Amino acid sequence: MTDEELSIKAQSGDENAVNTLLSKYKSLVNQIARSYFLTGGDMEDIVQEGMIGLYKAIKHFNNSKTASFKTFASTCIKHQIQSAVRIASSAKNQVLSTAVPIVDKINNEEDDEKIEIIFPSDLPSPDDKLLEQERMQEIKDKIKKSLSTLELKVLSLYLKGYSYNEISSIGNISKKSIDNALSRIKNKLSFLKNDF
């Protein structure tokens, strides 16, 4: 049975197929893991992350795509390990957390014969982007909890660049109420100074 067929069986709940693929690709996980260093961890931690990536590959492989299972598994294993390395070293070592792998083939061999060299990058990592999105969502949630419905309406229109007159006519609110609402908003949202 091919790896692709085993993956389909594994996705249907066949534990033997899962175990067969995990056993078959453990050496690939070990080989990929040797290229990485995990701050505060050891090689077993990296291998464990790689096995998680392999398990995800087994569960999410799509036979209709052009990539073979081995190629897809290699990608999932590397992404899982790189994500763990980024998270573990983000605060402790900025160079490692922004590393970008540059891959070179030796004598045009298979994927498992690649040398991986890590160079620092100024680009934000996917983890950094996700953390920033989560942070912004937290701030939005705090704002919604802090303001009344009227205040949210006034703030939304004000931030869109509408004048007092325009807000008054759109929201059917008196100019005095708009002015009072903006004063309350300023006081209620003073906590944002600390977040920025």
N, C-alpha and C. Protein backbone atom coordinates (compact mmCIF):
# COMPACT_ATOMS: atom_id res chain seq x y z
N MET A 1 0.84 -1.18 0.00
CA MET A 1 0.00 0.00 0.00
C MET A 1 0.89 1.25 0.00
N THR A 2 0.56 2.24 -0.82
CA THR A 2 1.36 3.46 -0.88
C THR A 2 1.12 4.33 0.34
N ASP A 3 2.03 5.27 0.56
CA ASP A 3 1.89 6.20 1.68
C ASP A 3 0.61 7.01 1.54
N GLU A 4 0.29 7.38 0.32
CA GLU A 4 -0.91 8.17 0.06
C GLU A 4 -2.16 7.37 0.46
N GLU A 5 -2.18 6.07 0.10
CA GLU A 5 -3.32 5.21 0.46
C GLU A 5 -3.39 5.01 1.97
N LEU A 6 -2.22 4.83 2.60
CA LEU A 6 -2.19 4.69 4.06
C LEU A 6 -2.74 5.94 4.74
N SER A 7 -2.40 7.11 4.19
CA SER A 7 -2.89 8.36 4.77
C SER A 7 -4.42 8.44 4.69
N ILE A 8 -4.97 8.03 3.57
CA ILE A 8 -6.43 8.04 3.42
C ILE A 8 -7.08 7.10 4.44
N LYS A 9 -6.48 5.91 4.62
CA LYS A 9 -7.00 4.96 5.61
C LYS A 9 -6.89 5.55 7.02
N ALA A 10 -5.76 6.22 7.29
CA ALA A 10 -5.55 6.83 8.61
C ALA A 10 -6.60 7.89 8.89
N GLN A 11 -6.93 8.67 7.87
CA GLN A 11 -7.94 9.72 8.03
C GLN A 11 -9.33 9.13 8.27
N SER A 12 -9.51 7.87 7.88
CA SER A 12 -10.79 7.19 8.11
C SER A 12 -10.84 6.52 9.48
N GLY A 13 -9.75 6.66 10.24
CA GLY A 13 -9.75 6.11 11.59
C GLY A 13 -8.95 4.84 11.76
N ASP A 14 -8.21 4.40 10.76
CA ASP A 14 -7.41 3.18 10.84
C ASP A 14 -6.11 3.47 11.61
N GLU A 15 -6.06 3.02 12.88
CA GLU A 15 -4.89 3.29 13.73
C GLU A 15 -3.65 2.56 13.23
N ASN A 16 -3.81 1.39 12.60
CA ASN A 16 -2.66 0.67 12.06
C ASN A 16 -1.99 1.48 10.97
N ALA A 17 -2.79 2.15 10.14
CA ALA A 17 -2.24 2.98 9.06
C ALA A 17 -1.48 4.16 9.67
N VAL A 18 -2.04 4.77 10.73
CA VAL A 18 -1.36 5.88 11.41
C VAL A 18 -0.02 5.42 11.95
N ASN A 19 -0.02 4.29 12.67
CA ASN A 19 1.22 3.78 13.27
C ASN A 19 2.25 3.39 12.22
N THR A 20 1.79 2.83 11.09
CA THR A 20 2.71 2.46 10.01
C THR A 20 3.42 3.70 9.47
N LEU A 21 2.67 4.77 9.22
CA LEU A 21 3.27 6.01 8.70
C LEU A 21 4.18 6.67 9.74
N LEU A 22 3.75 6.66 11.00
CA LEU A 22 4.60 7.25 12.05
C LEU A 22 5.93 6.50 12.16
N SER A 23 5.88 5.19 12.08
CA SER A 23 7.11 4.39 12.16
C SER A 23 7.98 4.61 10.93
N LYS A 24 7.36 4.61 9.76
CA LYS A 24 8.11 4.73 8.51
C LYS A 24 8.85 6.07 8.41
N TYR A 25 8.21 7.15 8.90
CA TYR A 25 8.79 8.49 8.72
C TYR A 25 9.52 9.02 9.96
N LYS A 26 9.67 8.19 11.00
CA LYS A 26 10.39 8.64 12.20
C LYS A 26 11.84 9.02 11.86
N SER A 27 12.47 8.27 10.95
CA SER A 27 13.85 8.59 10.57
C SER A 27 13.92 9.94 9.85
N LEU A 28 12.91 10.26 9.06
CA LEU A 28 12.87 11.57 8.39
C LEU A 28 12.73 12.68 9.44
N VAL A 29 11.88 12.46 10.43
CA VAL A 29 11.72 13.43 11.51
C VAL A 29 13.05 13.65 12.21
N ASN A 30 13.76 12.55 12.55
CA ASN A 30 15.07 12.67 13.22
C ASN A 30 16.06 13.44 12.36
N GLN A 31 16.05 13.16 11.06
CA GLN A 31 16.97 13.83 10.15
C GLN A 31 16.69 15.33 10.08
N ILE A 32 15.43 15.71 9.96
CA ILE A 32 15.06 17.13 9.90
C ILE A 32 15.36 17.81 11.24
N ALA A 33 15.08 17.12 12.34
CA ALA A 33 15.27 17.69 13.67
C ALA A 33 16.72 18.05 13.95
N ARG A 34 17.67 17.30 13.37
CA ARG A 34 19.09 17.58 13.61
C ARG A 34 19.52 18.95 13.10
N SER A 35 18.74 19.55 12.22
CA SER A 35 19.08 20.86 11.66
C SER A 35 18.68 22.02 12.56
N TYR A 36 18.01 21.75 13.68
CA TYR A 36 17.44 22.81 14.49
C TYR A 36 17.95 22.78 15.93
N PHE A 37 17.87 23.94 16.55
CA PHE A 37 18.23 24.10 17.96
C PHE A 37 17.04 24.75 18.66
N LEU A 38 16.63 24.19 19.76
CA LEU A 38 15.49 24.71 20.50
C LEU A 38 15.97 25.30 21.82
N THR A 39 15.83 26.62 21.96
CA THR A 39 16.25 27.29 23.19
C THR A 39 15.51 26.70 24.38
N GLY A 40 16.28 26.27 25.38
CA GLY A 40 15.66 25.72 26.59
C GLY A 40 15.16 24.30 26.42
N GLY A 41 15.45 23.66 25.31
CA GLY A 41 14.99 22.29 25.08
C GLY A 41 16.14 21.42 24.63
N ASP A 42 15.85 20.15 24.40
CA ASP A 42 16.88 19.25 23.88
C ASP A 42 16.39 18.61 22.59
N MET A 43 17.19 17.71 22.04
CA MET A 43 16.87 17.10 20.76
C MET A 43 15.54 16.33 20.82
N GLU A 44 15.25 15.70 21.94
CA GLU A 44 13.99 14.96 22.06
C GLU A 44 12.78 15.88 21.90
N ASP A 45 12.89 17.10 22.43
CA ASP A 45 11.79 18.07 22.28
C ASP A 45 11.56 18.41 20.82
N ILE A 46 12.65 18.59 20.09
CA ILE A 46 12.54 18.91 18.67
C ILE A 46 11.95 17.74 17.90
N VAL A 47 12.41 16.53 18.22
CA VAL A 47 11.87 15.32 17.56
C VAL A 47 10.38 15.21 17.86
N GLN A 48 9.99 15.48 19.10
CA GLN A 48 8.57 15.40 19.46
C GLN A 48 7.74 16.40 18.64
N GLU A 49 8.25 17.61 18.48
CA GLU A 49 7.56 18.59 17.64
C GLU A 49 7.45 18.08 16.20
N GLY A 50 8.53 17.47 15.72
CA GLY A 50 8.52 16.91 14.37
C GLY A 50 7.49 15.81 14.22
N MET A 51 7.33 14.97 15.26
CA MET A 51 6.33 13.90 15.21
C MET A 51 4.92 14.48 15.21
N ILE A 52 4.74 15.60 15.90
CA ILE A 52 3.44 16.28 15.86
C ILE A 52 3.16 16.76 14.44
N GLY A 53 4.20 17.33 13.80
CA GLY A 53 4.06 17.78 12.42
C GLY A 53 3.74 16.61 11.49
N LEU A 54 4.38 15.46 11.71
CA LEU A 54 4.11 14.26 10.90
C LEU A 54 2.67 13.80 11.10
N TYR A 55 2.21 13.80 12.35
CA TYR A 55 0.83 13.40 12.63
C TYR A 55 -0.17 14.33 11.92
N LYS A 56 0.12 15.63 11.95
CA LYS A 56 -0.74 16.58 11.24
C LYS A 56 -0.75 16.29 9.74
N ALA A 57 0.42 15.93 9.21
CA ALA A 57 0.52 15.61 7.78
C ALA A 57 -0.36 14.41 7.45
N ILE A 58 -0.32 13.40 8.31
CA ILE A 58 -1.13 12.19 8.09
C ILE A 58 -2.60 12.55 8.08
N LYS A 59 -3.01 13.38 9.02
CA LYS A 59 -4.43 13.72 9.15
C LYS A 59 -4.93 14.71 8.09
N HIS A 60 -4.02 15.49 7.51
CA HIS A 60 -4.47 16.55 6.59
C HIS A 60 -4.01 16.36 5.15
N PHE A 61 -3.35 15.26 4.85
CA PHE A 61 -2.88 15.05 3.48
C PHE A 61 -4.08 14.97 2.54
N ASN A 62 -3.97 15.67 1.41
CA ASN A 62 -5.03 15.68 0.40
C ASN A 62 -4.49 15.01 -0.86
N ASN A 63 -5.00 13.85 -1.17
CA ASN A 63 -4.51 13.06 -2.30
C ASN A 63 -4.75 13.74 -3.64
N SER A 64 -5.66 14.71 -3.68
CA SER A 64 -5.96 15.37 -4.96
C SER A 64 -4.91 16.41 -5.34
N LYS A 65 -4.04 16.77 -4.39
CA LYS A 65 -2.98 17.74 -4.68
C LYS A 65 -1.84 17.04 -5.40
N THR A 66 -0.94 17.83 -6.01
CA THR A 66 0.14 17.25 -6.81
C THR A 66 1.31 16.76 -5.97
N ALA A 67 1.46 17.21 -4.74
CA ALA A 67 2.59 16.81 -3.90
C ALA A 67 2.42 15.38 -3.39
N SER A 68 3.53 14.67 -3.29
CA SER A 68 3.51 13.33 -2.71
C SER A 68 3.35 13.45 -1.20
N PHE A 69 3.02 12.33 -0.56
CA PHE A 69 2.89 12.35 0.89
C PHE A 69 4.21 12.72 1.53
N LYS A 70 5.31 12.20 1.02
CA LYS A 70 6.62 12.46 1.60
C LYS A 70 6.94 13.95 1.57
N THR A 71 6.68 14.61 0.45
CA THR A 71 6.93 16.05 0.33
C THR A 71 6.06 16.83 1.31
N PHE A 72 4.78 16.46 1.36
CA PHE A 72 3.85 17.14 2.27
C PHE A 72 4.26 16.93 3.72
N ALA A 73 4.65 15.69 4.06
CA ALA A 73 5.08 15.38 5.43
C ALA A 73 6.32 16.18 5.80
N SER A 74 7.29 16.27 4.88
CA SER A 74 8.52 17.04 5.15
C SER A 74 8.19 18.48 5.47
N THR A 75 7.28 19.06 4.68
CA THR A 75 6.88 20.45 4.89
C THR A 75 6.21 20.63 6.25
N CYS A 76 5.29 19.73 6.59
CA CYS A 76 4.58 19.83 7.88
C CYS A 76 5.54 19.67 9.05
N ILE A 77 6.47 18.74 8.93
CA ILE A 77 7.44 18.51 10.00
C ILE A 77 8.29 19.76 10.21
N LYS A 78 8.80 20.32 9.11
CA LYS A 78 9.64 21.52 9.21
C LYS A 78 8.86 22.69 9.79
N HIS A 79 7.64 22.89 9.34
CA HIS A 79 6.83 24.01 9.85
C HIS A 79 6.57 23.88 11.34
N GLN A 80 6.26 22.66 11.80
CA GLN A 80 5.98 22.44 13.22
C GLN A 80 7.23 22.73 14.05
N ILE A 81 8.37 22.23 13.60
CA ILE A 81 9.61 22.45 14.34
C ILE A 81 9.98 23.93 14.33
N GLN A 82 9.89 24.57 13.16
CA GLN A 82 10.23 26.00 13.06
C GLN A 82 9.31 26.84 13.95
N SER A 83 8.06 26.48 14.01
CA SER A 83 7.12 27.21 14.87
C SER A 83 7.52 27.07 16.34
N ALA A 84 7.88 25.86 16.74
CA ALA A 84 8.31 25.63 18.13
C ALA A 84 9.58 26.40 18.44
N VAL A 85 10.52 26.42 17.50
CA VAL A 85 11.78 27.14 17.69
C VAL A 85 11.51 28.63 17.83
N ARG A 86 10.64 29.17 16.97
CA ARG A 86 10.31 30.60 17.03
C ARG A 86 9.69 30.97 18.37
N ILE A 87 8.74 30.17 18.80
CA ILE A 87 8.05 30.46 20.05
C ILE A 87 9.02 30.37 21.23
N ALA A 88 9.84 29.33 21.24
CA ALA A 88 10.75 29.12 22.36
C ALA A 88 11.83 30.19 22.44
N SER A 89 12.20 30.74 21.30
CA SER A 89 13.32 31.67 21.32
C SER A 89 12.93 33.11 21.02
N SER A 90 11.65 33.38 20.89
CA SER A 90 11.23 34.73 20.50
C SER A 90 11.69 35.80 21.48
N ALA A 91 11.56 35.56 22.76
CA ALA A 91 11.94 36.58 23.73
C ALA A 91 13.42 36.48 24.09
N LYS A 92 14.00 35.30 23.97
CA LYS A 92 15.37 35.09 24.43
C LYS A 92 16.42 35.39 23.39
N ASN A 93 16.07 35.13 22.14
CA ASN A 93 17.08 35.28 21.10
C ASN A 93 16.43 35.75 19.80
N GLN A 94 16.45 37.02 19.54
CA GLN A 94 15.78 37.61 18.39
C GLN A 94 16.31 37.07 17.06
N VAL A 95 17.59 36.76 17.00
CA VAL A 95 18.15 36.25 15.74
C VAL A 95 17.50 34.93 15.36
N LEU A 96 17.36 34.02 16.31
CA LEU A 96 16.74 32.74 16.01
C LEU A 96 15.27 32.88 15.68
N SER A 97 14.58 33.77 16.35
CA SER A 97 13.14 33.89 16.13
C SER A 97 12.81 34.50 14.78
N THR A 98 13.77 35.17 14.15
CA THR A 98 13.50 35.75 12.84
C THR A 98 14.32 35.06 11.76
N ALA A 99 14.75 33.83 12.03
CA ALA A 99 15.59 33.11 11.07
C ALA A 99 14.78 32.67 9.86
N VAL A 100 15.42 32.73 8.70
CA VAL A 100 14.81 32.26 7.46
C VAL A 100 15.72 31.18 6.89
N PRO A 101 15.19 29.97 6.65
CA PRO A 101 16.07 28.93 6.13
C PRO A 101 16.35 29.15 4.64
N ILE A 102 17.59 28.89 4.26
CA ILE A 102 17.96 28.90 2.85
C ILE A 102 18.40 27.48 2.55
N VAL A 103 17.72 26.83 1.61
CA VAL A 103 17.94 25.42 1.35
C VAL A 103 18.75 25.26 0.07
N ASP A 104 19.71 24.35 0.13
CA ASP A 104 20.53 24.06 -1.04
C ASP A 104 20.62 22.55 -1.20
N LYS A 105 20.50 22.05 -2.42
CA LYS A 105 20.58 20.61 -2.66
C LYS A 105 22.03 20.20 -2.88
N ILE A 106 22.36 19.00 -2.44
CA ILE A 106 23.67 18.43 -2.70
C ILE A 106 23.52 17.47 -3.88
N ASN A 107 24.20 17.74 -4.95
CA ASN A 107 24.21 16.86 -6.13
C ASN A 107 22.80 16.50 -6.61
N ASN A 108 21.86 17.41 -6.49
CA ASN A 108 20.48 17.19 -6.95
C ASN A 108 19.85 15.93 -6.37
N GLU A 109 20.14 15.63 -5.13
CA GLU A 109 19.59 14.43 -4.48
C GLU A 109 18.15 14.70 -4.04
N GLU A 110 17.55 13.69 -3.40
CA GLU A 110 16.18 13.79 -2.89
C GLU A 110 16.06 14.89 -1.83
N ASP A 111 14.83 15.18 -1.42
CA ASP A 111 14.58 16.22 -0.41
C ASP A 111 15.34 15.99 0.89
N ASP A 112 15.53 14.72 1.28
CA ASP A 112 16.17 14.46 2.57
C ASP A 112 17.68 14.63 2.52
N GLU A 113 18.23 15.03 1.37
CA GLU A 113 19.67 15.28 1.26
C GLU A 113 19.97 16.78 1.19
N LYS A 114 19.07 17.60 1.69
CA LYS A 114 19.26 19.05 1.63
C LYS A 114 20.05 19.55 2.83
N ILE A 115 20.82 20.60 2.61
CA ILE A 115 21.49 21.30 3.70
C ILE A 115 20.67 22.54 3.98
N GLU A 116 20.41 22.81 5.24
CA GLU A 116 19.62 23.98 5.60
C GLU A 116 20.49 24.94 6.37
N ILE A 117 20.61 26.17 5.87
CA ILE A 117 21.41 27.20 6.50
C ILE A 117 20.45 28.29 6.95
N ILE A 118 20.60 28.76 8.17
CA ILE A 118 19.68 29.76 8.73
C ILE A 118 20.34 31.13 8.74
N PHE A 119 19.67 32.12 8.16
CA PHE A 119 20.13 33.51 8.19
C PHE A 119 19.06 34.36 8.86
N PRO A 120 19.48 35.39 9.60
CA PRO A 120 18.49 36.27 10.24
C PRO A 120 17.68 37.03 9.19
N SER A 121 16.46 37.34 9.55
CA SER A 121 15.59 38.11 8.66
C SER A 121 14.90 39.20 9.47
N ASP A 122 14.66 40.35 8.83
CA ASP A 122 13.94 41.43 9.49
C ASP A 122 12.43 41.29 9.34
N LEU A 123 11.99 40.30 8.55
CA LEU A 123 10.56 40.13 8.33
C LEU A 123 9.90 39.58 9.59
N PRO A 124 8.68 40.02 9.89
CA PRO A 124 7.99 39.46 11.06
C PRO A 124 7.63 38.00 10.79
N SER A 125 7.75 37.18 11.81
CA SER A 125 7.40 35.77 11.65
C SER A 125 5.88 35.64 11.64
N PRO A 126 5.35 34.52 11.12
CA PRO A 126 3.90 34.31 11.16
C PRO A 126 3.37 34.36 12.60
N ASP A 127 4.19 33.88 13.54
CA ASP A 127 3.76 33.92 14.94
C ASP A 127 3.61 35.35 15.43
N ASP A 128 4.54 36.24 15.02
CA ASP A 128 4.45 37.64 15.41
C ASP A 128 3.18 38.28 14.87
N LYS A 129 2.85 37.95 13.60
CA LYS A 129 1.63 38.50 12.99
C LYS A 129 0.40 38.02 13.74
N LEU A 130 0.39 36.73 14.08
CA LEU A 130 -0.75 36.17 14.79
C LEU A 130 -0.90 36.79 16.17
N LEU A 131 0.21 36.96 16.87
CA LEU A 131 0.17 37.59 18.19
C LEU A 131 -0.34 39.03 18.10
N GLU A 132 0.08 39.75 17.07
CA GLU A 132 -0.38 41.13 16.88
C GLU A 132 -1.89 41.17 16.60
N GLN A 133 -2.37 40.22 15.78
CA GLN A 133 -3.81 40.15 15.50
C GLN A 133 -4.59 39.86 16.78
N GLU A 134 -4.08 38.92 17.58
CA GLU A 134 -4.75 38.59 18.84
C GLU A 134 -4.75 39.79 19.78
N ARG A 135 -3.64 40.52 19.82
CA ARG A 135 -3.54 41.71 20.68
C ARG A 135 -4.55 42.76 20.25
N MET A 136 -4.66 42.99 18.94
CA MET A 136 -5.62 43.98 18.44
C MET A 136 -7.05 43.55 18.74
N GLN A 137 -7.33 42.25 18.65
CA GLN A 137 -8.68 41.77 18.96
C GLN A 137 -9.00 41.97 20.43
N GLU A 138 -8.01 41.75 21.30
CA GLU A 138 -8.21 41.99 22.73
C GLU A 138 -8.54 43.46 22.99
N ILE A 139 -7.82 44.36 22.32
CA ILE A 139 -8.06 45.80 22.50
C ILE A 139 -9.47 46.16 22.03
N LYS A 140 -9.88 45.60 20.86
CA LYS A 140 -11.24 45.86 20.36
C LYS A 140 -12.28 45.37 21.35
N ASP A 141 -12.05 44.19 21.92
CA ASP A 141 -12.99 43.64 22.89
C ASP A 141 -13.08 44.52 24.14
N LYS A 142 -11.93 45.02 24.60
CA LYS A 142 -11.92 45.92 25.77
C LYS A 142 -12.70 47.19 25.47
N ILE A 143 -12.53 47.73 24.27
CA ILE A 143 -13.24 48.95 23.88
C ILE A 143 -14.74 48.70 23.89
N LYS A 144 -15.18 47.58 23.30
CA LYS A 144 -16.60 47.27 23.24
C LYS A 144 -17.21 47.11 24.63
N LYS A 145 -16.43 46.51 25.54
CA LYS A 145 -16.93 46.31 26.91
C LYS A 145 -16.99 47.63 27.68
N SER A 146 -16.10 48.55 27.35
CA SER A 146 -15.99 49.81 28.10
C SER A 146 -17.02 50.84 27.68
N LEU A 147 -17.49 50.80 26.43
CA LEU A 147 -18.35 51.86 25.91
C LEU A 147 -19.79 51.42 25.77
N SER A 148 -20.68 52.40 25.89
CA SER A 148 -22.10 52.15 25.67
C SER A 148 -22.36 52.07 24.16
N THR A 149 -23.57 51.68 23.79
CA THR A 149 -23.95 51.58 22.38
C THR A 149 -23.83 52.95 21.69
N LEU A 150 -24.30 53.99 22.35
CA LEU A 150 -24.21 55.35 21.79
C LEU A 150 -22.75 55.75 21.61
N GLU A 151 -21.93 55.48 22.61
CA GLU A 151 -20.52 55.85 22.53
C GLU A 151 -19.80 55.09 21.41
N LEU A 152 -20.13 53.82 21.25
CA LEU A 152 -19.53 53.05 20.16
C LEU A 152 -19.92 53.62 18.80
N LYS A 153 -21.19 54.01 18.67
CA LYS A 153 -21.68 54.58 17.42
C LYS A 153 -20.96 55.90 17.11
N VAL A 154 -20.85 56.77 18.12
CA VAL A 154 -20.17 58.06 17.95
C VAL A 154 -18.70 57.84 17.62
N LEU A 155 -18.04 56.95 18.34
CA LEU A 155 -16.62 56.69 18.10
C LEU A 155 -16.39 56.15 16.69
N SER A 156 -17.23 55.23 16.28
CA SER A 156 -17.08 54.64 14.94
C SER A 156 -17.19 55.71 13.85
N LEU A 157 -18.19 56.56 13.96
CA LEU A 157 -18.37 57.62 12.96
C LEU A 157 -17.25 58.65 13.04
N TYR A 158 -16.83 58.97 14.25
CA TYR A 158 -15.76 59.96 14.45
C TYR A 158 -14.45 59.45 13.83
N LEU A 159 -14.16 58.17 14.05
CA LEU A 159 -12.92 57.60 13.51
C LEU A 159 -12.95 57.46 11.99
N LYS A 160 -14.16 57.46 11.43
CA LYS A 160 -14.28 57.42 9.97
C LYS A 160 -14.12 58.81 9.35
N GLY A 161 -13.95 59.81 10.21
CA GLY A 161 -13.68 61.15 9.71
C GLY A 161 -14.89 62.05 9.58
N TYR A 162 -16.04 61.64 10.11
CA TYR A 162 -17.23 62.46 10.02
C TYR A 162 -17.15 63.63 10.99
N SER A 163 -17.71 64.76 10.58
CA SER A 163 -17.76 65.95 11.45
C SER A 163 -18.92 65.80 12.44
N TYR A 164 -18.98 66.73 13.42
CA TYR A 164 -20.08 66.72 14.39
C TYR A 164 -21.42 66.81 13.67
N ASN A 165 -21.50 67.70 12.69
CA ASN A 165 -22.76 67.87 11.94
C ASN A 165 -23.17 66.58 11.24
N GLU A 166 -22.20 65.91 10.61
CA GLU A 166 -22.49 64.67 9.88
C GLU A 166 -22.90 63.55 10.85
N ILE A 167 -22.18 63.45 11.98
CA ILE A 167 -22.53 62.44 12.99
C ILE A 167 -23.93 62.71 13.52
N SER A 168 -24.23 63.98 13.73
CA SER A 168 -25.55 64.36 14.24
C SER A 168 -26.66 63.92 13.29
N SER A 169 -26.47 64.17 11.99
CA SER A 169 -27.52 63.81 11.04
C SER A 169 -27.59 62.31 10.77
N ILE A 170 -26.42 61.63 10.72
CA ILE A 170 -26.42 60.19 10.47
C ILE A 170 -27.01 59.43 11.65
N GLY A 171 -26.55 59.78 12.86
CA GLY A 171 -26.97 59.04 14.05
C GLY A 171 -28.18 59.61 14.76
N ASN A 172 -28.71 60.74 14.26
CA ASN A 172 -29.84 61.40 14.90
C ASN A 172 -29.52 61.69 16.38
N ILE A 173 -28.33 62.33 16.56
CA ILE A 173 -27.83 62.64 17.89
C ILE A 173 -27.53 64.13 17.94
N SER A 174 -27.84 64.77 19.07
CA SER A 174 -27.55 66.20 19.19
C SER A 174 -26.04 66.41 19.29
N LYS A 175 -25.59 67.60 18.87
CA LYS A 175 -24.16 67.92 18.92
C LYS A 175 -23.64 67.91 20.35
N LYS A 176 -24.46 68.33 21.29
CA LYS A 176 -24.06 68.33 22.70
C LYS A 176 -23.84 66.89 23.18
N SER A 177 -24.73 65.96 22.75
CA SER A 177 -24.58 64.55 23.12
C SER A 177 -23.31 63.95 22.51
N ILE A 178 -23.00 64.38 21.29
CA ILE A 178 -21.77 63.90 20.63
C ILE A 178 -20.55 64.38 21.42
N ASP A 179 -20.57 65.65 21.77
CA ASP A 179 -19.45 66.22 22.53
C ASP A 179 -19.28 65.52 23.88
N ASN A 180 -20.39 65.29 24.57
CA ASN A 180 -20.34 64.59 25.87
C ASN A 180 -19.85 63.15 25.68
N ALA A 181 -20.34 62.49 24.64
CA ALA A 181 -19.95 61.10 24.38
C ALA A 181 -18.45 61.01 24.11
N LEU A 182 -17.92 61.93 23.32
CA LEU A 182 -16.48 61.92 23.02
C LEU A 182 -15.64 62.18 24.28
N SER A 183 -16.13 63.02 25.18
CA SER A 183 -15.43 63.27 26.45
C SER A 183 -15.41 62.00 27.30
N ARG A 184 -16.56 61.30 27.38
CA ARG A 184 -16.63 60.06 28.16
C ARG A 184 -15.73 58.99 27.53
N ILE A 185 -15.74 58.92 26.20
CA ILE A 185 -14.92 57.94 25.49
C ILE A 185 -13.45 58.17 25.81
N LYS A 186 -13.03 59.44 25.78
CA LYS A 186 -11.63 59.77 26.07
C LYS A 186 -11.24 59.30 27.47
N ASN A 187 -12.11 59.52 28.44
CA ASN A 187 -11.83 59.09 29.81
C ASN A 187 -11.85 57.57 29.95
N LYS A 188 -12.85 56.93 29.36
CA LYS A 188 -12.99 55.49 29.49
C LYS A 188 -11.86 54.72 28.80
N LEU A 189 -11.34 55.29 27.71
CA LEU A 189 -10.31 54.58 26.94
C LEU A 189 -8.89 55.02 27.27
N SER A 190 -8.73 55.69 28.40
CA SER A 190 -7.38 56.13 28.78
C SER A 190 -6.45 54.94 29.02
N PHE A 191 -7.02 53.75 29.30
CA PHE A 191 -6.21 52.54 29.51
C PHE A 191 -5.44 52.16 28.24
N LEU A 192 -5.88 52.63 27.08
CA LEU A 192 -5.20 52.29 25.82
C LEU A 192 -3.80 52.87 25.75
N LYS A 193 -3.53 53.93 26.50
CA LYS A 193 -2.18 54.50 26.50
C LYS A 193 -1.16 53.47 26.93
N ASN A 194 -1.53 52.65 27.90
CA ASN A 194 -0.63 51.60 28.38
C ASN A 194 -0.45 50.49 27.34
N ASP A 195 -1.51 50.19 26.57
CA ASP A 195 -1.43 49.13 25.57
C ASP A 195 -0.57 49.52 24.38
N PHE A 196 -0.43 50.84 24.15
CA PHE A 196 0.38 51.28 23.02
C PHE A 196 1.70 51.84 23.51
